[in-house]
Amino acid sequence: GHENEVKSVAWAPSGTLLATCSRDKSVWVWEVDEEEEYECVSVLNSHTQDVKHVVWHPNQELLASASYDDTVKLYHEEEDDWVCCATLEGHESTVWSVAFDRSGERLASCSDDKTVRIWHRYKPGNEEGVACSGTDPTWKCVCNLSGYHTRTIYDVAWCHLTGALATACGDDAIRVFEESASSDPQQPTFGLAAHILLSLCRNGPGWAVTLHCSASVLKTSVEAEPSRKKRPRVSFSRHMSLMARAVFPVSFLE
């Protein structure tokens, strides 16, 4: 059904809805029935440029999309049809990716403008006094991570266990941010916890892989799940070595 490159796909938590987005500027919502037949139930044309990424809320049928038109849009079902219920503006260039945190109350977006924005959802009648239109919540930017990246940020991901935020950047680096334990939830502050740079260089007839890692250990603790407590601990450097092995085939590393 799409008329150009399909950029991203995402399953809803229920597993009965699939969202797709395309360079044709549209977002499609597909419904999967018991016989595994796929039917398009809505075509959303809210964006004015190609759509780069779609993601579902972790426990609600709320969909978010990122676009070349510099915006993030959110959608929900209303009277048997899907509609755009919010437009998040603030980025100055293409928004490449979006990600919800574990609670679904915050959304992170990353952009060609080299920043990451954190958006918080405020429901009608909230204690903070943030104005809402009717019964729809308002999404407000509460944090802007700038100055850390030197090129386009292509992807962003929340850790649903620790709350850490990771980014993938065009400057060849991965960065991990941790929220300060003393920060105000309405104005959160994030610090750079790890900076991972992977470089490749010629080594005779083959290639050599070099991992440059720097990390600051924050004074926070996370209670491990019972299933995780018996697992052996792995040092940060060892973890990075294992990660390189996972990303690159052994034959390539050799």
Protein backbone atom coordinates (compact mmCIF):
# COMPACT_ATOMS: atom_id res chain seq x y z
CA GLY A 1 0.00 0.00 0.00
CA HIS A 2 2.85 2.42 0.66
CA GLU A 3 4.02 4.33 -2.40
CA ASN A 4 7.67 4.67 -1.39
CA GLU A 5 10.33 3.25 0.96
CA VAL A 6 8.95 1.86 4.22
CA LYS A 7 11.22 3.20 6.96
CA SER A 8 10.01 1.61 10.18
CA VAL A 9 7.58 -0.95 11.66
CA ALA A 10 6.36 -1.46 15.22
CA TRP A 11 4.00 -3.85 17.02
CA ALA A 12 1.48 -2.57 19.57
CA PRO A 13 1.72 -4.17 23.05
CA SER A 14 -1.39 -6.25 22.32
CA GLY A 15 0.22 -7.80 19.25
CA THR A 16 -2.94 -7.15 17.22
CA LEU A 17 -1.83 -3.85 15.67
CA LEU A 18 1.16 -3.13 13.45
CA ALA A 19 2.26 0.40 12.54
CA THR A 20 4.32 1.23 9.47
CA CYS A 21 5.72 4.50 8.17
CA SER A 22 7.12 5.53 4.84
CA ARG A 23 8.88 8.06 2.72
CA ASP A 24 5.44 8.66 1.17
CA LYS A 25 4.73 10.85 4.29
CA SER A 26 2.16 8.46 5.72
CA VAL A 27 1.71 6.24 8.77
CA TRP A 28 -0.43 3.11 8.36
CA VAL A 29 -2.08 1.12 11.13
CA TRP A 30 -2.72 -2.55 10.34
CA GLU A 31 -4.96 -4.89 12.30
CA VAL A 32 -4.16 -8.60 12.60
CA ASP A 33 -7.11 -10.95 13.03
CA GLU A 34 -7.21 -14.47 14.49
CA GLU A 35 -6.45 -15.97 11.08
CA GLU A 36 -3.35 -13.75 10.79
CA GLU A 37 -4.87 -11.67 8.02
CA TYR A 38 -3.61 -8.11 7.85
CA GLU A 39 -6.06 -5.29 7.18
CA CYS A 40 -5.17 -1.60 7.01
CA VAL A 41 -7.55 0.17 9.39
CA SER A 42 -6.17 3.69 9.06
CA VAL A 43 -3.89 5.79 6.87
CA LEU A 44 -2.55 8.85 8.71
CA ASN A 45 -1.31 11.76 6.62
CA SER A 46 -0.47 14.23 9.37
CA HIS A 47 3.19 14.68 8.42
CA THR A 48 4.26 16.95 5.56
CA GLN A 49 7.52 15.09 4.86
CA ASP A 50 8.72 11.49 4.96
CA VAL A 51 8.25 9.62 8.22
CA LYS A 52 11.38 8.07 9.72
CA HIS A 53 10.23 6.09 12.76
CA VAL A 54 7.19 4.76 14.60
CA VAL A 55 6.90 3.41 18.15
CA TRP A 56 4.05 2.32 20.42
CA HIS A 57 3.42 3.30 24.02
CA PRO A 58 4.55 0.40 26.29
CA ASN A 59 1.09 -0.38 27.66
CA GLN A 60 -1.45 1.70 25.74
CA GLU A 61 -2.58 1.92 22.15
CA LEU A 62 -0.85 5.26 21.67
CA LEU A 63 1.43 5.64 18.65
CA ALA A 64 4.27 8.12 18.08
CA SER A 65 6.04 8.98 14.83
CA ALA A 66 9.14 11.00 13.90
CA SER A 67 9.52 12.86 10.64
CA TYR A 68 11.66 14.84 8.24
CA ASP A 69 9.26 17.75 8.88
CA ASP A 70 11.03 18.29 12.27
CA THR A 71 8.06 17.13 14.37
CA VAL A 72 6.86 14.22 16.49
CA LYS A 73 3.21 13.27 16.24
CA LEU A 74 1.07 11.10 18.49
CA TYR A 75 -2.05 9.16 17.50
CA HIS A 76 -4.86 7.30 19.23
CA GLU A 77 -8.09 5.66 18.22
CA GLU A 78 -11.19 7.82 18.35
CA GLU A 79 -14.65 6.67 17.26
CA ASP A 80 -13.36 3.69 15.27
CA ASP A 81 -10.68 5.72 13.49
CA TRP A 82 -7.14 6.78 14.25
CA VAL A 83 -6.43 10.49 14.64
CA CYS A 84 -3.45 12.71 15.42
CA CYS A 85 -3.90 13.85 19.02
CA ALA A 86 -0.68 15.84 19.54
CA THR A 87 2.17 17.45 17.62
CA LEU A 88 5.48 17.99 19.42
CA GLU A 89 7.47 20.88 17.99
CA GLY A 90 10.88 22.18 19.03
CA HIS A 91 13.49 20.33 17.01
CA GLU A 92 15.14 22.43 14.32
CA SER A 93 15.75 19.62 11.83
CA THR A 94 14.74 16.04 10.98
CA VAL A 95 13.57 13.92 13.91
CA TRP A 96 15.02 10.45 13.34
CA SER A 97 13.73 8.41 16.25
CA VAL A 98 11.49 8.42 19.32
CA ALA A 99 11.26 6.15 22.36
CA PHE A 100 8.97 5.88 25.38
CA ASP A 101 10.34 5.24 28.85
CA ARG A 102 9.10 2.30 30.94
CA SER A 103 6.16 4.23 32.41
CA GLY A 104 5.09 5.71 29.08
CA GLU A 105 4.84 9.12 30.73
CA ARG A 106 7.99 10.38 29.02
CA LEU A 107 9.08 10.31 25.41
CA ALA A 108 12.61 10.89 24.07
CA SER A 109 13.25 12.21 20.56
CA CYS A 110 16.53 12.63 18.69
CA SER A 111 17.29 14.79 15.70
CA ASP A 112 19.55 16.03 12.96
CA ASP A 113 19.90 19.18 15.10
CA LYS A 114 22.25 17.16 17.39
CA THR A 115 19.92 17.28 20.40
CA VAL A 116 17.79 14.87 22.40
CA ARG A 117 14.53 16.18 23.83
CA ILE A 118 12.61 14.64 26.72
CA TRP A 119 8.84 15.19 26.65
CA HIS A 120 6.57 14.66 29.66
CA ARG A 121 2.87 13.88 29.49
CA TYR A 122 0.57 16.04 31.63
CA LYS A 123 -3.02 14.93 32.06
CA PRO A 124 -5.95 17.33 32.47
CA GLY A 125 -6.14 18.64 36.03
CA ASN A 126 -2.46 17.94 36.71
CA GLU A 127 -0.95 19.34 39.91
CA GLU A 128 1.76 21.21 37.99
CA GLY A 129 -0.82 23.49 36.38
CA VAL A 130 0.16 22.67 32.79
CA ALA A 131 -2.75 23.65 30.55
CA CYS A 132 -4.52 20.90 28.58
CA SER A 133 -7.00 21.12 25.75
CA GLY A 134 -10.21 19.34 26.69
CA THR A 135 -9.66 15.74 27.76
CA ASP A 136 -6.42 15.29 25.80
CA PRO A 137 -3.12 15.37 27.71
CA THR A 138 -0.38 17.86 26.91
CA TRP A 139 3.18 16.81 26.09
CA LYS A 140 5.77 19.36 27.23
CA CYS A 141 9.52 19.37 26.62
CA VAL A 142 11.13 19.21 30.08
CA CYS A 143 14.77 18.57 29.08
CA ASN A 144 16.99 19.33 26.10
CA LEU A 145 20.27 17.40 25.91
CA SER A 146 22.57 19.51 23.75
CA GLY A 147 26.32 19.92 23.37
CA TYR A 148 27.14 16.21 23.69
CA HIS A 149 26.86 15.15 20.04
CA THR A 150 28.76 16.58 17.08
CA ARG A 151 26.64 15.08 14.29
CA THR A 152 23.16 13.76 13.60
CA ILE A 153 21.62 11.55 16.31
CA TYR A 154 19.96 8.65 14.51
CA ASP A 155 18.49 6.60 17.33
CA VAL A 156 17.55 6.79 20.99
CA ALA A 157 16.53 4.05 23.45
CA TRP A 158 15.40 3.92 27.08
CA CYS A 159 16.50 1.07 29.34
CA HIS A 160 13.29 -0.16 30.98
CA LEU A 161 15.25 -1.65 33.88
CA THR A 162 17.54 1.22 34.92
CA GLY A 163 16.07 4.25 33.14
CA ALA A 164 19.34 4.91 31.29
CA LEU A 165 19.06 6.63 27.93
CA ALA A 166 21.31 5.58 25.02
CA THR A 167 21.93 7.39 21.73
CA ALA A 168 23.44 6.42 18.38
CA CYS A 169 25.24 9.24 16.60
CA GLY A 170 26.77 9.98 13.22
CA ASP A 171 30.07 10.82 14.92
CA ASP A 172 30.67 7.03 15.30
CA ALA A 173 29.89 7.04 19.03
CA ILE A 174 27.31 5.60 21.41
CA ARG A 175 26.46 7.65 24.49
CA VAL A 176 24.62 6.58 27.63
CA PHE A 177 22.95 9.15 29.88
CA GLU A 178 21.79 8.66 33.48
CA GLU A 179 19.21 10.83 35.21
CA SER A 180 20.41 12.52 38.38
CA ALA A 181 18.81 10.96 41.45
CA SER A 182 18.17 14.41 42.93
CA SER A 183 16.71 16.02 39.81
CA ASP A 184 13.20 17.44 39.71
CA PRO A 185 10.89 15.16 37.65
CA GLN A 186 9.43 18.29 36.07
CA GLN A 187 12.90 19.53 35.09
CA PRO A 188 15.07 16.39 34.96
CA THR A 189 18.82 16.59 34.54
CA PHE A 190 20.85 13.91 32.78
CA GLY A 191 24.58 13.31 32.94
CA LEU A 192 26.82 11.48 30.48
CA ALA A 193 27.52 8.08 32.06
CA ALA A 194 29.37 6.39 29.18
CA HIS A 195 30.90 7.35 25.83
CA ILE A 196 31.66 4.42 23.53
CA LEU A 197 33.61 4.88 20.30
CA LEU A 198 34.20 1.97 17.93
CA SER A 199 36.83 2.46 15.24
CA LEU A 200 38.07 0.23 12.42
CA CYS A 201 41.52 0.44 10.86
CA ARG A 202 43.61 -1.64 8.47
CA ASN A 203 45.93 -4.15 10.10
CA GLY A 204 47.95 -5.76 7.33
CA PRO A 205 45.61 -7.80 5.13
CA GLY A 206 42.76 -7.55 7.65
CA TRP A 207 41.05 -5.11 9.96
CA ALA A 208 41.64 -4.15 13.57
CA VAL A 209 38.75 -3.17 15.84
CA THR A 210 39.43 -0.65 18.60
CA LEU A 211 36.96 0.20 21.35
CA HIS A 212 37.48 3.52 23.12
CA CYS A 213 35.35 3.58 26.27
CA SER A 214 35.00 6.15 28.99
CA ALA A 215 32.51 5.82 31.81
CA SER A 216 31.65 7.63 35.01
CA VAL A 217 30.11 5.54 37.76
CA LEU A 218 27.11 7.33 39.23
CA LYS A 219 26.10 6.89 42.86
CA THR A 220 22.93 5.01 42.09
CA SER A 221 21.91 1.46 42.79
CA VAL A 222 19.46 -0.81 41.01
CA GLU A 223 17.91 -3.78 42.78
CA ALA A 224 18.47 -6.76 40.52
CA GLU A 225 15.58 -8.98 39.61
CA PRO A 226 15.70 -12.41 41.34
CA SER A 227 16.48 -14.11 38.03
CA ARG A 228 19.46 -11.78 37.54
CA LYS A 229 21.03 -12.02 40.99
CA LYS A 230 22.80 -15.33 40.34
CA ARG A 231 24.29 -14.21 37.06
CA PRO A 232 28.05 -13.51 37.10
CA ARG A 233 29.06 -9.85 37.06
CA VAL A 234 30.92 -8.62 34.00
CA SER A 235 33.29 -5.65 34.08
CA PHE A 236 32.59 -2.68 31.83
CA SER A 237 35.65 -3.34 29.65
CA ARG A 238 34.76 -7.03 29.37
CA HIS A 239 31.19 -6.07 28.49
CA MET A 240 32.46 -3.85 25.67
CA SER A 241 34.64 -6.69 24.38
CA LEU A 242 31.65 -9.03 24.38
CA MET A 243 29.59 -6.37 22.63
CA ALA A 244 32.18 -6.09 19.86
CA ARG A 245 32.06 -9.86 19.41
CA ALA A 246 28.28 -9.70 19.17
CA VAL A 247 28.31 -6.89 16.60
CA PHE A 248 31.09 -8.24 14.40
CA PRO A 249 31.56 -11.87 13.32
CA VAL A 250 34.66 -13.53 14.75
CA SER A 251 36.03 -14.07 11.25
CA PHE A 252 35.73 -10.34 10.62
CA LEU A 253 37.46 -9.44 13.87
CA GLU A 254 40.30 -11.82 13.09
